[in-house]
């Protein structure tokens, strides 16, 4: 019973930690695509932000400054995407793919040239990383029967970015569905001509949504190198941006439902880590590669099964041309 309880608490804690970058990128996709702008470049922006945060952390910048730098880099990439797709009405998918390719190549090359460690950055010191907020409280509660391990490992050993991420889910819902800005943002993704006729700038709203998405990707990237890991390595996002897109589609472009879908991905990933080398009844020992592929298999299944039936914003992917 004790082993099962500890396993449950461990999986719960790992699920929340693993889901953080997925939730942030899914929220970024919700804001961008609710405004009518497809954002395939979530992966690239998160990777570039992770590299920026690791570089700043490696030279001794504080965790807050490194986070701000990561958000600035991702927002700048979003600005390029917005400039290409909104101002110049370029192909949104091509622009997003280009950002991904640039981020993958540029971070690897700069990491190699600057640090000479095969593209990796030096480890970020513990003093300049985000660490658990309530370690002493977690240690005190750990001895409690049943609820103690669940509270300690599942909730209290998390850092500030984990708490911030899950606070952003209801905050995003409130912003989209309970504010004038959210109403206009959703309207511009459904019928930009109507928004324009009401005297509201379609361009300004879409820029705001895309830049907000960039900042969320920046937090996700910073989390990877300042909280989940201690350094940057090339390609470390490992497809999380695309998994977040799948979660967003599965969640019907709704922040809360997309967040729940990300938790499902996080749970599968956490479970996969703990099933490696474990012999299961009847099946026996499952190959590690198959277990590691589970979250990606789920991504394909969700996209194949739900993309055609999901009701996307009607103006998604369409450049708006103001009528004269």
C-alpha atoms as a PDB file:
ATOM      1  CA  UNK A   1       0.000   0.000   0.000  1.00  0.00           C
ATOM      2  CA  UNK A   2       2.839   2.380   0.911  1.00  0.00           C
ATOM      3  CA  UNK A   3       4.639   1.649  -2.354  1.00  0.00           C
ATOM      4  CA  UNK A   4       1.445   2.206  -4.338  1.00  0.00           C
ATOM      5  CA  UNK A   5       0.802   5.480  -2.528  1.00  0.00           C
ATOM      6  CA  UNK A   6       4.336   6.703  -3.148  1.00  0.00           C
ATOM      7  CA  UNK A   7       4.042   5.684  -6.800  1.00  0.00           C
ATOM      8  CA  UNK A   8       0.762   7.607  -7.111  1.00  0.00           C
ATOM      9  CA  UNK A   9       2.236  10.708  -5.485  1.00  0.00           C
ATOM     10  CA  UNK A  10       5.311  10.498  -7.694  1.00  0.00           C
ATOM     11  CA  UNK A  11       3.265  10.159 -10.892  1.00  0.00           C
ATOM     12  CA  UNK A  12       0.992  13.036  -9.838  1.00  0.00           C
ATOM     13  CA  UNK A  13       3.937  15.347  -9.199  1.00  0.00           C
ATOM     14  CA  UNK A  14       5.681  14.339 -12.418  1.00  0.00           C
ATOM     15  CA  UNK A  15       2.475  14.791 -14.420  1.00  0.00           C
ATOM     16  CA  UNK A  16       2.161  18.409 -13.308  1.00  0.00           C
ATOM     17  CA  UNK A  17       5.833  19.166 -13.950  1.00  0.00           C
ATOM     18  CA  UNK A  18       5.891  17.554 -17.382  1.00  0.00           C
ATOM     19  CA  UNK A  19       2.629  19.216 -18.426  1.00  0.00           C
ATOM     20  CA  UNK A  20       3.846  22.776 -17.723  1.00  0.00           C
ATOM     21  CA  UNK A  21       5.479  23.576 -21.117  1.00  0.00           C
ATOM     22  CA  UNK A  22       2.601  21.826 -22.908  1.00  0.00           C
ATOM     23  CA  UNK A  23      -0.015  23.885 -21.066  1.00  0.00           C
ATOM     24  CA  UNK A  24       1.805  27.154 -21.736  1.00  0.00           C
ATOM     25  CA  UNK A  25       2.231  26.418 -25.442  1.00  0.00           C
ATOM     26  CA  UNK A  26      -1.366  25.216 -25.742  1.00  0.00           C
ATOM     27  CA  UNK A  27      -2.570  28.492 -24.192  1.00  0.00           C
ATOM     28  CA  UNK A  28      -0.312  30.358 -26.624  1.00  0.00           C
ATOM     29  CA  UNK A  29      -1.899  28.484 -29.510  1.00  0.00           C
ATOM     30  CA  UNK A  30      -5.383  29.227 -28.194  1.00  0.00           C
ATOM     31  CA  UNK A  31      -4.776  32.983 -28.112  1.00  0.00           C
ATOM     32  CA  UNK A  32      -3.088  33.106 -31.505  1.00  0.00           C
ATOM     33  CA  UNK A  33      -5.547  30.877 -33.329  1.00  0.00           C
ATOM     34  CA  UNK A  34      -8.598  32.397 -31.654  1.00  0.00           C
ATOM     35  CA  UNK A  35      -7.523  35.608 -33.382  1.00  0.00           C
ATOM     36  CA  UNK A  36      -7.304  33.803 -36.718  1.00  0.00           C
ATOM     37  CA  UNK A  37      -3.520  33.320 -36.942  1.00  0.00           C
ATOM     38  CA  UNK A  38      -2.173  29.766 -37.216  1.00  0.00           C
ATOM     39  CA  UNK A  39       0.903  29.295 -35.025  1.00  0.00           C
ATOM     40  CA  UNK A  40       2.927  26.261 -36.076  1.00  0.00           C
ATOM     41  CA  UNK A  41       6.019  27.974 -34.661  1.00  0.00           C
ATOM     42  CA  UNK A  42       5.288  27.214 -30.995  1.00  0.00           C
ATOM     43  CA  UNK A  43       8.092  24.664 -30.976  1.00  0.00           C
ATOM     44  CA  UNK A  44      10.681  27.035 -32.389  1.00  0.00           C
ATOM     45  CA  UNK A  45       9.774  29.898 -30.069  1.00  0.00           C
ATOM     46  CA  UNK A  46       9.945  27.633 -27.031  1.00  0.00           C
ATOM     47  CA  UNK A  47      13.341  26.287 -28.130  1.00  0.00           C
ATOM     48  CA  UNK A  48      14.776  29.761 -28.737  1.00  0.00           C
ATOM     49  CA  UNK A  49      13.450  30.930 -25.364  1.00  0.00           C
ATOM     50  CA  UNK A  50      14.998  27.922 -23.623  1.00  0.00           C
ATOM     51  CA  UNK A  51      18.351  28.754 -25.195  1.00  0.00           C
ATOM     52  CA  UNK A  52      18.103  32.431 -24.223  1.00  0.00           C
ATOM     53  CA  UNK A  53      17.204  31.580 -20.622  1.00  0.00           C
ATOM     54  CA  UNK A  54      20.064  29.073 -20.354  1.00  0.00           C
ATOM     55  CA  UNK A  55      22.589  31.559 -21.777  1.00  0.00           C
ATOM     56  CA  UNK A  56      21.526  34.279 -19.359  1.00  0.00           C
ATOM     57  CA  UNK A  57      21.458  31.848 -16.440  1.00  0.00           C
ATOM     58  CA  UNK A  58      24.889  30.484 -17.325  1.00  0.00           C
ATOM     59  CA  UNK A  59      26.466  33.940 -17.093  1.00  0.00           C
ATOM     60  CA  UNK A  60      24.927  34.537 -13.670  1.00  0.00           C
ATOM     61  CA  UNK A  61      21.716  36.432 -14.451  1.00  0.00           C
ATOM     62  CA  UNK A  62      18.931  36.012 -11.911  1.00  0.00           C
ATOM     63  CA  UNK A  63      16.063  33.623 -12.609  1.00  0.00           C
ATOM     64  CA  UNK A  64      13.691  36.568 -13.096  1.00  0.00           C
ATOM     65  CA  UNK A  65      16.003  38.303 -15.576  1.00  0.00           C
ATOM     66  CA  UNK A  66      16.571  35.056 -17.474  1.00  0.00           C
ATOM     67  CA  UNK A  67      12.808  34.517 -17.656  1.00  0.00           C
ATOM     68  CA  UNK A  68      12.319  38.062 -18.964  1.00  0.00           C
ATOM     69  CA  UNK A  69      15.006  37.499 -21.594  1.00  0.00           C
ATOM     70  CA  UNK A  70      13.376  34.273 -22.724  1.00  0.00           C
ATOM     71  CA  UNK A  71       9.999  35.973 -23.026  1.00  0.00           C
ATOM     72  CA  UNK A  72      11.552  38.841 -25.002  1.00  0.00           C
ATOM     73  CA  UNK A  73      13.200  36.451 -27.486  1.00  0.00           C
ATOM     74  CA  UNK A  74      10.005  34.444 -28.035  1.00  0.00           C
ATOM     75  CA  UNK A  75       7.953  37.651 -28.345  1.00  0.00           C
ATOM     76  CA  UNK A  76      10.430  38.958 -30.955  1.00  0.00           C
ATOM     77  CA  UNK A  77       9.987  35.767 -32.985  1.00  0.00           C
ATOM     78  CA  UNK A  78       6.227  36.173 -32.669  1.00  0.00           C
ATOM     79  CA  UNK A  79       6.633  39.738 -33.913  1.00  0.00           C
ATOM     80  CA  UNK A  80       8.383  38.418 -37.021  1.00  0.00           C
ATOM     81  CA  UNK A  81       5.586  35.901 -37.533  1.00  0.00           C
ATOM     82  CA  UNK A  82       2.939  38.618 -37.107  1.00  0.00           C
ATOM     83  CA  UNK A  83       4.776  40.988 -39.455  1.00  0.00           C
ATOM     84  CA  UNK A  84       4.983  38.310 -42.144  1.00  0.00           C
ATOM     85  CA  UNK A  85       1.436  36.969 -41.772  1.00  0.00           C
ATOM     86  CA  UNK A  86      -0.664  39.932 -40.638  1.00  0.00           C
ATOM     87  CA  UNK A  87       1.053  42.955 -42.171  1.00  0.00           C
ATOM     88  CA  UNK A  88       2.230  41.275 -45.365  1.00  0.00           C
ATOM     89  CA  UNK A  89      -0.419  38.531 -45.510  1.00  0.00           C
ATOM     90  CA  UNK A  90       2.123  35.730 -45.958  1.00  0.00           C
ATOM     91  CA  UNK A  91       1.341  32.045 -45.614  1.00  0.00           C
ATOM     92  CA  UNK A  92       0.942  31.400 -41.898  1.00  0.00           C
ATOM     93  CA  UNK A  93       2.013  27.760 -41.970  1.00  0.00           C
ATOM     94  CA  UNK A  94       5.144  28.465 -44.004  1.00  0.00           C
ATOM     95  CA  UNK A  95       6.100  31.284 -41.638  1.00  0.00           C
ATOM     96  CA  UNK A  96       5.648  29.048 -38.588  1.00  0.00           C
ATOM     97  CA  UNK A  97       7.687  26.224 -40.112  1.00  0.00           C
ATOM     98  CA  UNK A  98      10.429  28.711 -41.013  1.00  0.00           C
ATOM     99  CA  UNK A  99      10.601  29.871 -37.381  1.00  0.00           C
ATOM    100  CA  UNK A 100      10.965  26.258 -36.244  1.00  0.00           C
ATOM    101  CA  UNK A 101      13.789  25.572 -38.702  1.00  0.00           C
ATOM    102  CA  UNK A 102      15.606  28.798 -37.808  1.00  0.00           C
ATOM    103  CA  UNK A 103      15.325  28.115 -34.076  1.00  0.00           C
ATOM    104  CA  UNK A 104      16.573  24.526 -34.385  1.00  0.00           C
ATOM    105  CA  UNK A 105      19.576  25.539 -36.475  1.00  0.00           C
ATOM    106  CA  UNK A 106      20.496  28.821 -34.820  1.00  0.00           C
ATOM    107  CA  UNK A 107      20.387  27.566 -31.220  1.00  0.00           C
ATOM    108  CA  UNK A 108      22.594  24.580 -32.073  1.00  0.00           C
ATOM    109  CA  UNK A 109      25.140  26.693 -33.971  1.00  0.00           C
ATOM    110  CA  UNK A 110      25.298  29.497 -31.400  1.00  0.00           C
ATOM    111  CA  UNK A 111      25.566  27.001 -28.565  1.00  0.00           C
ATOM    112  CA  UNK A 112      28.471  25.279 -30.330  1.00  0.00           C
ATOM    113  CA  UNK A 113      30.300  28.521 -31.133  1.00  0.00           C
ATOM    114  CA  UNK A 114      29.757  30.233 -27.781  1.00  0.00           C
ATOM    115  CA  UNK A 115      30.244  27.352 -25.339  1.00  0.00           C
ATOM    116  CA  UNK A 116      32.150  24.627 -27.256  1.00  0.00           C
ATOM    117  CA  UNK A 117      30.182  21.810 -25.596  1.00  0.00           C
ATOM    118  CA  UNK A 118      28.540  20.228 -28.621  1.00  0.00           C
ATOM    119  CA  UNK A 119      25.715  22.776 -28.636  1.00  0.00           C
ATOM    120  CA  UNK A 120      24.983  22.486 -24.903  1.00  0.00           C
ATOM    121  CA  UNK A 121      25.236  25.403 -22.534  1.00  0.00           C
ATOM    122  CA  UNK A 122      26.996  25.265 -19.150  1.00  0.00           C
ATOM    123  CA  UNK A 123      24.806  24.245 -16.235  1.00  0.00           C
ATOM    124  CA  UNK A 124      22.789  27.019 -14.618  1.00  0.00           C
ATOM    125  CA  UNK A 125      23.643  27.399 -10.925  1.00  0.00           C
ATOM    126  CA  UNK A 126      20.950  26.344  -8.461  1.00  0.00           C
ATOM    127  CA  UNK A 127      20.873  29.866  -7.032  1.00  0.00           C
ATOM    128  CA  UNK A 128      19.692  31.268 -10.369  1.00  0.00           C
ATOM    129  CA  UNK A 129      17.076  28.599 -11.107  1.00  0.00           C
ATOM    130  CA  UNK A 130      13.454  28.225 -10.060  1.00  0.00           C
ATOM    131  CA  UNK A 131      13.278  25.750  -7.187  1.00  0.00           C
ATOM    132  CA  UNK A 132      10.489  24.397  -4.973  1.00  0.00           C
ATOM    133  CA  UNK A 133       8.529  27.097  -3.178  1.00  0.00           C
ATOM    134  CA  UNK A 134       7.578  25.110  -0.070  1.00  0.00           C
ATOM    135  CA  UNK A 135      10.277  22.456   0.505  1.00  0.00           C
ATOM    136  CA  UNK A 136      10.137  22.639   4.306  1.00  0.00           C
ATOM    137  CA  UNK A 137       6.339  22.373   4.383  1.00  0.00           C
ATOM    138  CA  UNK A 138       6.515  19.397   2.026  1.00  0.00           C
ATOM    139  CA  UNK A 139       9.071  17.680   4.283  1.00  0.00           C
ATOM    140  CA  UNK A 140       6.866  18.261   7.333  1.00  0.00           C
ATOM    141  CA  UNK A 141       3.752  16.840   5.654  1.00  0.00           C
ATOM    142  CA  UNK A 142       5.471  13.826   4.097  1.00  0.00           C
ATOM    143  CA  UNK A 143       5.046  11.695   7.241  1.00  0.00           C
ATOM    144  CA  UNK A 144       1.275  12.180   7.354  1.00  0.00           C
ATOM    145  CA  UNK A 145      -0.694   9.028   6.494  1.00  0.00           C
ATOM    146  CA  UNK A 146      -2.177   8.801   2.970  1.00  0.00           C
ATOM    147  CA  UNK A 147      -2.624  12.529   2.277  1.00  0.00           C
ATOM    148  CA  UNK A 148       0.908  13.466   3.318  1.00  0.00           C
ATOM    149  CA  UNK A 149       2.837  12.021   0.347  1.00  0.00           C
ATOM    150  CA  UNK A 150       0.165  13.202  -2.092  1.00  0.00           C
ATOM    151  CA  UNK A 151       0.362  16.771  -0.798  1.00  0.00           C
ATOM    152  CA  UNK A 152       4.143  16.805  -0.444  1.00  0.00           C
ATOM    153  CA  UNK A 153       5.179  15.212  -3.734  1.00  0.00           C
ATOM    154  CA  UNK A 154       2.084  16.004  -5.767  1.00  0.00           C
ATOM    155  CA  UNK A 155       1.658  19.690  -4.887  1.00  0.00           C
ATOM    156  CA  UNK A 156       4.206  21.267  -2.564  1.00  0.00           C
ATOM    157  CA  UNK A 157       7.523  20.392  -4.210  1.00  0.00           C
ATOM    158  CA  UNK A 158       6.786  22.492  -7.297  1.00  0.00           C
ATOM    159  CA  UNK A 159       8.452  25.749  -8.265  1.00  0.00           C
ATOM    160  CA  UNK A 160       6.848  29.109  -8.993  1.00  0.00           C
ATOM    161  CA  UNK A 161       6.517  28.477 -12.739  1.00  0.00           C
ATOM    162  CA  UNK A 162       4.384  25.378 -12.134  1.00  0.00           C
ATOM    163  CA  UNK A 163       2.023  27.340  -9.900  1.00  0.00           C
ATOM    164  CA  UNK A 164       1.982  30.231 -12.367  1.00  0.00           C
ATOM    165  CA  UNK A 165       1.154  27.938 -15.281  1.00  0.00           C
ATOM    166  CA  UNK A 166      -1.880  26.370 -13.686  1.00  0.00           C
ATOM    167  CA  UNK A 167      -3.059  29.770 -12.480  1.00  0.00           C
ATOM    168  CA  UNK A 168      -2.851  30.982 -16.086  1.00  0.00           C
ATOM    169  CA  UNK A 169      -5.398  28.406 -17.266  1.00  0.00           C
ATOM    170  CA  UNK A 170      -8.428  29.926 -15.458  1.00  0.00           C
ATOM    171  CA  UNK A 171      -6.954  33.399 -16.015  1.00  0.00           C
ATOM    172  CA  UNK A 172      -6.873  32.751 -19.775  1.00  0.00           C
ATOM    173  CA  UNK A 173     -10.451  31.502 -19.689  1.00  0.00           C
ATOM    174  CA  UNK A 174     -11.501  34.665 -17.858  1.00  0.00           C
ATOM    175  CA  UNK A 175      -9.611  36.883 -20.314  1.00  0.00           C
ATOM    176  CA  UNK A 176     -11.142  35.177 -23.353  1.00  0.00           C
ATOM    177  CA  UNK A 177     -14.711  34.774 -22.127  1.00  0.00           C
ATOM    178  CA  UNK A 178     -15.290  37.480 -19.524  1.00  0.00           C
ATOM    179  CA  UNK A 179     -13.558  40.588 -20.875  1.00  0.00           C
ATOM    180  CA  UNK A 180     -14.117  42.983 -23.748  1.00  0.00           C
ATOM    181  CA  UNK A 181     -10.658  42.182 -25.104  1.00  0.00           C
ATOM    182  CA  UNK A 182     -11.490  38.460 -25.170  1.00  0.00           C
ATOM    183  CA  UNK A 183     -14.814  39.056 -26.896  1.00  0.00           C
ATOM    184  CA  UNK A 184     -13.130  41.119 -29.595  1.00  0.00           C
ATOM    185  CA  UNK A 185     -10.322  38.590 -29.942  1.00  0.00           C
ATOM    186  CA  UNK A 186     -12.754  35.731 -30.491  1.00  0.00           C
ATOM    187  CA  UNK A 187     -14.795  37.851 -32.885  1.00  0.00           C
ATOM    188  CA  UNK A 188     -11.774  38.702 -35.026  1.00  0.00           C
ATOM    189  CA  UNK A 189     -11.079  34.994 -35.416  1.00  0.00           C
ATOM    190  CA  UNK A 190     -14.637  34.342 -36.550  1.00  0.00           C
ATOM    191  CA  UNK A 191     -15.563  37.423 -38.603  1.00  0.00           C
ATOM    192  CA  UNK A 192     -12.819  40.050 -38.946  1.00  0.00           C
ATOM    193  CA  UNK A 193     -14.900  42.129 -41.367  1.00  0.00           C
ATOM    194  CA  UNK A 194     -17.564  42.613 -38.710  1.00  0.00           C
ATOM    195  CA  UNK A 195     -14.936  43.671 -36.170  1.00  0.00           C
ATOM    196  CA  UNK A 196     -13.472  46.107 -38.690  1.00  0.00           C
ATOM    197  CA  UNK A 197     -16.923  47.513 -39.447  1.00  0.00           C
ATOM    198  CA  UNK A 198     -17.333  48.239 -35.731  1.00  0.00           C
ATOM    199  CA  UNK A 199     -14.280  50.491 -35.887  1.00  0.00           C
ATOM    200  CA  UNK A 200     -11.901  48.072 -34.126  1.00  0.00           C
ATOM    201  CA  UNK A 201      -8.464  47.391 -35.605  1.00  0.00           C
ATOM    202  CA  UNK A 202      -8.173  43.798 -36.759  1.00  0.00           C
ATOM    203  CA  UNK A 203      -4.422  44.175 -37.184  1.00  0.00           C
ATOM    204  CA  UNK A 204      -3.923  45.468 -33.643  1.00  0.00           C
ATOM    205  CA  UNK A 205      -5.949  42.651 -32.100  1.00  0.00           C
ATOM    206  CA  UNK A 206      -4.130  39.964 -34.048  1.00  0.00           C
ATOM    207  CA  UNK A 207      -0.738  41.450 -33.208  1.00  0.00           C
ATOM    208  CA  UNK A 208      -1.686  41.529 -29.518  1.00  0.00           C
ATOM    209  CA  UNK A 209      -2.772  37.874 -29.608  1.00  0.00           C
ATOM    210  CA  UNK A 210       0.359  36.680 -31.428  1.00  0.00           C
ATOM    211  CA  UNK A 211       2.697  38.624 -29.123  1.00  0.00           C
ATOM    212  CA  UNK A 212       0.876  37.264 -26.065  1.00  0.00           C
ATOM    213  CA  UNK A 213       1.354  33.778 -27.493  1.00  0.00           C
ATOM    214  CA  UNK A 214       5.060  34.499 -27.864  1.00  0.00           C
ATOM    215  CA  UNK A 215       5.402  35.521 -24.224  1.00  0.00           C
ATOM    216  CA  UNK A 216       3.683  32.321 -23.096  1.00  0.00           C
ATOM    217  CA  UNK A 217       6.095  30.293 -25.237  1.00  0.00           C
ATOM    218  CA  UNK A 218       8.908  32.245 -23.608  1.00  0.00           C
ATOM    219  CA  UNK A 219       7.788  31.121 -20.154  1.00  0.00           C
ATOM    220  CA  UNK A 220       7.592  27.536 -21.435  1.00  0.00           C
ATOM    221  CA  UNK A 221      11.139  27.683 -22.807  1.00  0.00           C
ATOM    222  CA  UNK A 222      12.507  29.261 -19.637  1.00  0.00           C
ATOM    223  CA  UNK A 223      10.865  26.511 -17.594  1.00  0.00           C
ATOM    224  CA  UNK A 224      12.766  23.845 -19.537  1.00  0.00           C
ATOM    225  CA  UNK A 225      16.201  25.268 -18.698  1.00  0.00           C
ATOM    226  CA  UNK A 226      15.612  27.101 -15.415  1.00  0.00           C
ATOM    227  CA  UNK A 227      13.350  24.610 -13.642  1.00  0.00           C
ATOM    228  CA  UNK A 228      12.986  21.210 -15.297  1.00  0.00           C
ATOM    229  CA  UNK A 229      16.624  20.954 -16.442  1.00  0.00           C
ATOM    230  CA  UNK A 230      19.807  22.831 -15.600  1.00  0.00           C
ATOM    231  CA  UNK A 231      21.122  23.522 -19.105  1.00  0.00           C
ATOM    232  CA  UNK A 232      20.186  23.744 -22.766  1.00  0.00           C
ATOM    233  CA  UNK A 233      20.796  20.968 -25.272  1.00  0.00           C
ATOM    234  CA  UNK A 234      19.966  21.104 -29.008  1.00  0.00           C
ATOM    235  CA  UNK A 235      16.397  20.057 -29.820  1.00  0.00           C
ATOM    236  CA  UNK A 236      15.505  19.677 -26.148  1.00  0.00           C
ATOM    237  CA  UNK A 237      11.868  20.675 -26.764  1.00  0.00           C
ATOM    238  CA  UNK A 238      11.454  17.240 -28.420  1.00  0.00           C
ATOM    239  CA  UNK A 239       8.191  17.991 -30.195  1.00  0.00           C
ATOM    240  CA  UNK A 240       6.403  19.531 -27.206  1.00  0.00           C
ATOM    241  CA  UNK A 241       5.156  22.417 -29.336  1.00  0.00           C
ATOM    242  CA  UNK A 242       3.413  20.020 -31.704  1.00  0.00           C
ATOM    243  CA  UNK A 243       1.985  18.028 -28.804  1.00  0.00           C
ATOM    244  CA  UNK A 244       0.595  21.300 -27.441  1.00  0.00           C
ATOM    245  CA  UNK A 245      -1.029  21.982 -30.817  1.00  0.00           C
ATOM    246  CA  UNK A 246      -2.663  18.549 -30.675  1.00  0.00           C
ATOM    247  CA  UNK A 247      -3.901  19.273 -27.145  1.00  0.00           C
ATOM    248  CA  UNK A 248      -5.273  22.619 -28.307  1.00  0.00           C
ATOM    249  CA  UNK A 249      -7.222  20.983 -31.148  1.00  0.00           C
ATOM    250  CA  UNK A 250      -8.440  18.227 -28.825  1.00  0.00           C
ATOM    251  CA  UNK A 251      -9.529  20.936 -26.393  1.00  0.00           C
ATOM    252  CA  UNK A 252     -11.512  22.730 -29.109  1.00  0.00           C
ATOM    253  CA  UNK A 253      -9.456  25.944 -28.801  1.00  0.00           C
ATOM    254  CA  UNK A 254     -10.681  26.323 -25.210  1.00  0.00           C
ATOM    255  CA  UNK A 255      -8.040  27.088 -22.531  1.00  0.00           C
ATOM    256  CA  UNK A 256      -9.437  24.817 -19.800  1.00  0.00           C
ATOM    257  CA  UNK A 257     -10.090  21.840 -22.079  1.00  0.00           C
ATOM    258  CA  UNK A 258      -6.681  22.290 -23.717  1.00  0.00           C
ATOM    259  CA  UNK A 259      -5.094  22.341 -20.250  1.00  0.00           C
ATOM    260  CA  UNK A 260      -6.810  19.071 -19.343  1.00  0.00           C
ATOM    261  CA  UNK A 261      -5.571  17.499 -22.584  1.00  0.00           C
ATOM    262  CA  UNK A 262      -2.021  18.601 -21.701  1.00  0.00           C
ATOM    263  CA  UNK A 263      -2.374  16.912 -18.321  1.00  0.00           C
ATOM    264  CA  UNK A 264      -3.256  13.711 -20.183  1.00  0.00           C
ATOM    265  CA  UNK A 265      -0.039  14.016 -22.200  1.00  0.00           C
ATOM    266  CA  UNK A 266       1.888  14.731 -19.011  1.00  0.00           C
ATOM    267  CA  UNK A 267       0.392  11.707 -17.287  1.00  0.00           C
ATOM    268  CA  UNK A 268       1.336   9.405 -20.170  1.00  0.00           C
ATOM    269  CA  UNK A 269       4.876  10.764 -20.199  1.00  0.00           C
ATOM    270  CA  UNK A 270       5.216  10.408 -16.419  1.00  0.00           C
ATOM    271  CA  UNK A 271       3.836   6.886 -16.570  1.00  0.00           C
ATOM    272  CA  UNK A 272       6.152   5.986 -19.446  1.00  0.00           C
ATOM    273  CA  UNK A 273       9.189   7.026 -17.407  1.00  0.00           C
ATOM    274  CA  UNK A 274       8.164   4.766 -14.515  1.00  0.00           C
ATOM    275  CA  UNK A 275       7.263   1.791 -16.728  1.00  0.00           C
ATOM    276  CA  UNK A 276      10.716   1.529 -18.266  1.00  0.00           C
ATOM    277  CA  UNK A 277      12.166  -1.858 -17.414  1.00  0.00           C
ATOM    278  CA  UNK A 278       9.054  -2.947 -15.491  1.00  0.00           C
ATOM    279  CA  UNK A 279       7.671  -6.402 -16.304  1.00  0.00           C
ATOM    280  CA  UNK A 280       3.897  -6.257 -16.841  1.00  0.00           C
ATOM    281  CA  UNK A 281       1.561  -9.261 -16.420  1.00  0.00           C
ATOM    282  CA  UNK A 282       1.078 -11.298 -19.617  1.00  0.00           C
ATOM    283  CA  UNK A 283       2.945  -8.729 -21.742  1.00  0.00           C
ATOM    284  CA  UNK A 284       6.271  -8.981 -19.964  1.00  0.00           C
ATOM    285  CA  UNK A 285       8.909  -6.261 -20.223  1.00  0.00           C
ATOM    286  CA  UNK A 286       7.762  -3.607 -22.689  1.00  0.00           C
ATOM    287  CA  UNK A 287      10.534  -2.147 -24.887  1.00  0.00           C
ATOM    288  CA  UNK A 288      11.686   1.254 -23.634  1.00  0.00           C
ATOM    289  CA  UNK A 289      11.341   2.760 -27.107  1.00  0.00           C
ATOM    290  CA  UNK A 290       7.672   1.784 -27.297  1.00  0.00           C
ATOM    291  CA  UNK A 291       6.940   3.325 -23.900  1.00  0.00           C
ATOM    292  CA  UNK A 292       8.757   6.542 -24.839  1.00  0.00           C
ATOM    293  CA  UNK A 293       6.711   6.759 -28.041  1.00  0.00           C
ATOM    294  CA  UNK A 294       3.340   6.714 -26.218  1.00  0.00           C
ATOM    295  CA  UNK A 295       2.873  10.516 -25.935  1.00  0.00           C
ATOM    296  CA  UNK A 296       3.751  10.957 -29.620  1.00  0.00           C
ATOM    297  CA  UNK A 297       1.429   8.158 -30.680  1.00  0.00           C
ATOM    298  CA  UNK A 298      -1.341   9.886 -28.741  1.00  0.00           C
ATOM    299  CA  UNK A 299      -0.512  13.132 -30.574  1.00  0.00           C
ATOM    300  CA  UNK A 300      -1.031  11.443 -33.949  1.00  0.00           C
ATOM    301  CA  UNK A 301      -4.222   9.707 -32.793  1.00  0.00           C
ATOM    302  CA  UNK A 302      -5.734  12.936 -31.483  1.00  0.00           C
ATOM    303  CA  UNK A 303      -4.853  14.901 -34.600  1.00  0.00           C
ATOM    304  CA  UNK A 304      -6.152  12.166 -36.891  1.00  0.00           C
ATOM    305  CA  UNK A 305      -9.315  11.562 -34.899  1.00  0.00           C
ATOM    306  CA  UNK A 306     -10.315  15.073 -33.886  1.00  0.00           C
ATOM    307  CA  UNK A 307      -8.845  17.576 -36.329  1.00  0.00           C
ATOM    308  CA  UNK A 308     -11.493  16.984 -38.967  1.00  0.00           C
ATOM    309  CA  UNK A 309     -14.337  17.186 -36.446  1.00  0.00           C
ATOM    310  CA  UNK A 310     -12.984  20.043 -34.353  1.00  0.00           C
ATOM    311  CA  UNK A 311     -14.682  23.365 -35.006  1.00  0.00           C
ATOM    312  CA  UNK A 312     -11.851  25.799 -35.607  1.00  0.00           C
ATOM    313  CA  UNK A 313     -12.365  29.589 -35.685  1.00  0.00           C
ATOM    314  CA  UNK A 314     -13.904  30.339 -39.058  1.00  0.00           C
ATOM    315  CA  UNK A 315     -11.300  32.921 -40.110  1.00  0.00           C
ATOM    316  CA  UNK A 316      -8.349  30.783 -38.992  1.00  0.00           C
ATOM    317  CA  UNK A 317      -5.504  30.996 -41.486  1.00  0.00           C
ATOM    318  CA  UNK A 318      -7.136  33.699 -43.597  1.00  0.00           C
ATOM    319  CA  UNK A 319      -5.353  37.003 -44.055  1.00  0.00           C
ATOM    320  CA  UNK A 320      -7.698  39.934 -43.673  1.00  0.00           C
ATOM    321  CA  UNK A 321      -7.784  42.516 -46.442  1.00  0.00           C
ATOM    322  CA  UNK A 322      -9.517  45.725 -45.425  1.00  0.00           C
ATOM    323  CA  UNK A 323     -12.267  46.698 -47.837  1.00  0.00           C
ATOM    324  CA  UNK A 324     -11.935  50.188 -49.297  1.00  0.00           C
END
